Amino acid sequence: MNERRMVRQGDVLLREVAAPRESERVDGARGLQVPGERTGHTHVLEAEVHETRGGRLLMLAEPGVMTHEEHGDVVVPEGWWQPVLQREFVPESRPSLRSNFD
């Protein structure tokens, strides 16, 4: 696989990564649970959580669904994923884009 996939829901981005050579499953961790930046609603994705040299990764043996109260559900394909928390971006030239969030 040469081109890596990305999945985004609001302020959470998942970047597909190659399977790590070494990882250890984090017992008790149930996947991604990230409060949203503006409302506190939670992004949720059930997945195995693994600790690697580069940080924590999510592993999906089959496709999963990331949910959030304010966004549509997003299907995340099987594979290894690195969660990246982002901030809402609104270009200064288009402040009207923010009106849906205020």
C-alpha atoms as a PDB file:
ATOM      1  CA  MET A   1       0.000   0.000   0.000  1.00  0.00           C
ATOM      2  CA  ASN A   2       1.744   3.147  -1.188  1.00  0.00           C
ATOM      3  CA  GLU A   3      -0.895   5.756  -0.484  1.00  0.00           C
ATOM      4  CA  ARG A   4      -2.157   6.053   3.083  1.00  0.00           C
ATOM      5  CA  ARG A   5      -5.785   6.840   3.828  1.00  0.00           C
ATOM      6  CA  MET A   6      -7.080   9.533   6.174  1.00  0.00           C
ATOM      7  CA  VAL A   7     -10.435   9.756   7.918  1.00  0.00           C
ATOM      8  CA  ARG A   8     -11.708  12.947   9.530  1.00  0.00           C
ATOM      9  CA  GLN A   9     -14.642  13.748  11.775  1.00  0.00           C
ATOM     10  CA  GLY A  10     -14.734  17.299  13.125  1.00  0.00           C
ATOM     11  CA  ASP A  11     -11.525  17.999  15.013  1.00  0.00           C
ATOM     12  CA  VAL A  12     -10.318  14.368  14.968  1.00  0.00           C
ATOM     13  CA  LEU A  13      -8.171  13.073  12.109  1.00  0.00           C
ATOM     14  CA  LEU A  14      -7.115   9.443  11.768  1.00  0.00           C
ATOM     15  CA  ARG A  15      -4.060   8.764   9.612  1.00  0.00           C
ATOM     16  CA  GLU A  16      -3.479   5.249   8.374  1.00  0.00           C
ATOM     17  CA  VAL A  17      -0.033   3.927   9.279  1.00  0.00           C
ATOM     18  CA  ALA A  18       1.913   0.775   8.550  1.00  0.00           C
ATOM     19  CA  ALA A  19       1.569  -2.025  11.093  1.00  0.00           C
ATOM     20  CA  PRO A  20       4.226  -1.463  13.748  1.00  0.00           C
ATOM     21  CA  ARG A  21       7.001  -4.020  14.145  1.00  0.00           C
ATOM     22  CA  GLU A  22       6.464  -4.007  17.883  1.00  0.00           C
ATOM     23  CA  SER A  23       3.436  -2.995  19.898  1.00  0.00           C
ATOM     24  CA  GLU A  24       1.759  -3.886  23.137  1.00  0.00           C
ATOM     25  CA  ARG A  25      -2.003  -3.886  23.538  1.00  0.00           C
ATOM     26  CA  VAL A  26      -3.159  -1.512  26.270  1.00  0.00           C
ATOM     27  CA  ASP A  27      -5.413  -3.500  28.603  1.00  0.00           C
ATOM     28  CA  GLY A  28      -8.632  -1.755  29.541  1.00  0.00           C
ATOM     29  CA  ALA A  29      -8.424   0.808  26.725  1.00  0.00           C
ATOM     30  CA  ARG A  30     -11.499   0.687  24.509  1.00  0.00           C
ATOM     31  CA  GLY A  31     -10.497   2.857  21.600  1.00  0.00           C
ATOM     32  CA  LEU A  32     -10.883   6.525  20.823  1.00  0.00           C
ATOM     33  CA  GLN A  33     -12.918   8.738  23.160  1.00  0.00           C
ATOM     34  CA  VAL A  34     -12.122  12.405  22.527  1.00  0.00           C
ATOM     35  CA  PRO A  35     -14.236  15.337  23.741  1.00  0.00           C
ATOM     36  CA  GLY A  36     -14.880  17.830  20.945  1.00  0.00           C
ATOM     37  CA  GLU A  37     -13.123  21.185  21.067  1.00  0.00           C
ATOM     38  CA  ARG A  38     -16.188  23.427  21.175  1.00  0.00           C
ATOM     39  CA  THR A  39     -19.114  21.506  22.685  1.00  0.00           C
ATOM     40  CA  GLY A  40     -17.579  18.731  24.740  1.00  0.00           C
ATOM     41  CA  HIS A  41     -19.493  16.081  22.803  1.00  0.00           C
ATOM     42  CA  THR A  42     -17.363  12.984  22.409  1.00  0.00           C
ATOM     43  CA  HIS A  43     -15.877  11.359  19.310  1.00  0.00           C
ATOM     44  CA  VAL A  44     -16.019   7.576  19.889  1.00  0.00           C
ATOM     45  CA  LEU A  45     -14.448   4.692  17.963  1.00  0.00           C
ATOM     46  CA  GLU A  46     -14.234   1.186  19.419  1.00  0.00           C
ATOM     47  CA  ALA A  47     -10.783  -0.205  18.579  1.00  0.00           C
ATOM     48  CA  GLU A  48      -7.810  -1.991  20.087  1.00  0.00           C
ATOM     49  CA  VAL A  49      -5.318   0.471  21.538  1.00  0.00           C
ATOM     50  CA  HIS A  50      -1.626  -0.370  21.164  1.00  0.00           C
ATOM     51  CA  GLU A  51       1.410   1.334  22.664  1.00  0.00           C
ATOM     52  CA  THR A  52       4.322   1.660  20.235  1.00  0.00           C
ATOM     53  CA  ARG A  53       7.653   3.485  20.217  1.00  0.00           C
ATOM     54  CA  GLY A  54       5.986   6.316  18.336  1.00  0.00           C
ATOM     55  CA  GLY A  55       2.962   6.583  20.637  1.00  0.00           C
ATOM     56  CA  ARG A  56      -0.465   5.036  20.811  1.00  0.00           C
ATOM     57  CA  LEU A  57      -2.148   3.597  17.750  1.00  0.00           C
ATOM     58  CA  LEU A  58      -5.603   2.207  17.093  1.00  0.00           C
ATOM     59  CA  MET A  59      -6.001  -1.163  15.394  1.00  0.00           C
ATOM     60  CA  LEU A  60      -9.195  -2.204  13.682  1.00  0.00           C
ATOM     61  CA  ALA A  61      -9.425  -5.847  12.616  1.00  0.00           C
ATOM     62  CA  GLU A  62     -12.567  -4.926  10.666  1.00  0.00           C
ATOM     63  CA  PRO A  63     -14.212  -1.636   9.702  1.00  0.00           C
ATOM     64  CA  GLY A  64     -15.561   0.404  12.618  1.00  0.00           C
ATOM     65  CA  VAL A  65     -17.812   3.426  12.996  1.00  0.00           C
ATOM     66  CA  MET A  66     -16.672   6.694  14.573  1.00  0.00           C
ATOM     67  CA  THR A  67     -19.628   8.505  16.158  1.00  0.00           C
ATOM     68  CA  HIS A  68     -20.244  12.015  17.480  1.00  0.00           C
ATOM     69  CA  GLU A  69     -23.457  13.757  18.510  1.00  0.00           C
ATOM     70  CA  GLU A  70     -22.996  16.635  16.031  1.00  0.00           C
ATOM     71  CA  HIS A  71     -21.406  14.884  13.054  1.00  0.00           C
ATOM     72  CA  GLY A  72     -22.536  12.081  10.811  1.00  0.00           C
ATOM     73  CA  ASP A  73     -21.122   8.650  11.549  1.00  0.00           C
ATOM     74  CA  VAL A  74     -17.870   7.900   9.722  1.00  0.00           C
ATOM     75  CA  VAL A  75     -16.830   4.397   8.666  1.00  0.00           C
ATOM     76  CA  VAL A  76     -13.166   3.724   9.420  1.00  0.00           C
ATOM     77  CA  PRO A  77     -11.648   0.888   7.353  1.00  0.00           C
ATOM     78  CA  GLU A  78      -9.710  -1.937   8.982  1.00  0.00           C
ATOM     79  CA  GLY A  79      -6.047  -1.258   9.651  1.00  0.00           C
ATOM     80  CA  TRP A  80      -3.691   0.674  11.912  1.00  0.00           C
ATOM     81  CA  TRP A  81      -4.583   4.309  12.631  1.00  0.00           C
ATOM     82  CA  GLN A  82      -2.820   7.208  14.329  1.00  0.00           C
ATOM     83  CA  PRO A  83      -5.265   9.653  15.934  1.00  0.00           C
ATOM     84  CA  VAL A  84      -4.406  13.333  15.459  1.00  0.00           C
ATOM     85  CA  LEU A  85      -6.350  15.988  17.341  1.00  0.00           C
ATOM     86  CA  GLN A  86      -6.921  19.109  15.314  1.00  0.00           C
ATOM     87  CA  ARG A  87      -8.343  22.548  15.932  1.00  0.00           C
ATOM     88  CA  GLU A  88     -11.211  24.022  14.011  1.00  0.00           C
ATOM     89  CA  PHE A  89      -9.851  26.016  11.086  1.00  0.00           C
ATOM     90  CA  VAL A  90     -11.748  28.997   9.739  1.00  0.00           C
ATOM     91  CA  PRO A  91      -9.866  31.145   7.233  1.00  0.00           C
ATOM     92  CA  GLU A  92      -9.929  34.863   8.061  1.00  0.00           C
ATOM     93  CA  SER A  93     -11.144  35.536   4.543  1.00  0.00           C
ATOM     94  CA  ARG A  94     -14.318  33.484   5.185  1.00  0.00           C
ATOM     95  CA  PRO A  95     -15.472  34.127   8.795  1.00  0.00           C
ATOM     96  CA  SER A  96     -19.062  33.324   7.798  1.00  0.00           C
ATOM     97  CA  LEU A  97     -18.081  29.640   7.857  1.00  0.00           C
ATOM     98  CA  ARG A  98     -17.940  29.849  11.645  1.00  0.00           C
ATOM     99  CA  SER A  99     -21.589  30.976  12.017  1.00  0.00           C
ATOM    100  CA  ASN A 100     -22.856  27.378  12.165  1.00  0.00           C
ATOM    101  CA  PHE A 101     -20.770  26.770  15.278  1.00  0.00           C
ATOM    102  CA  ASP A 102     -21.386  29.894  17.371  1.00  0.00           C
END
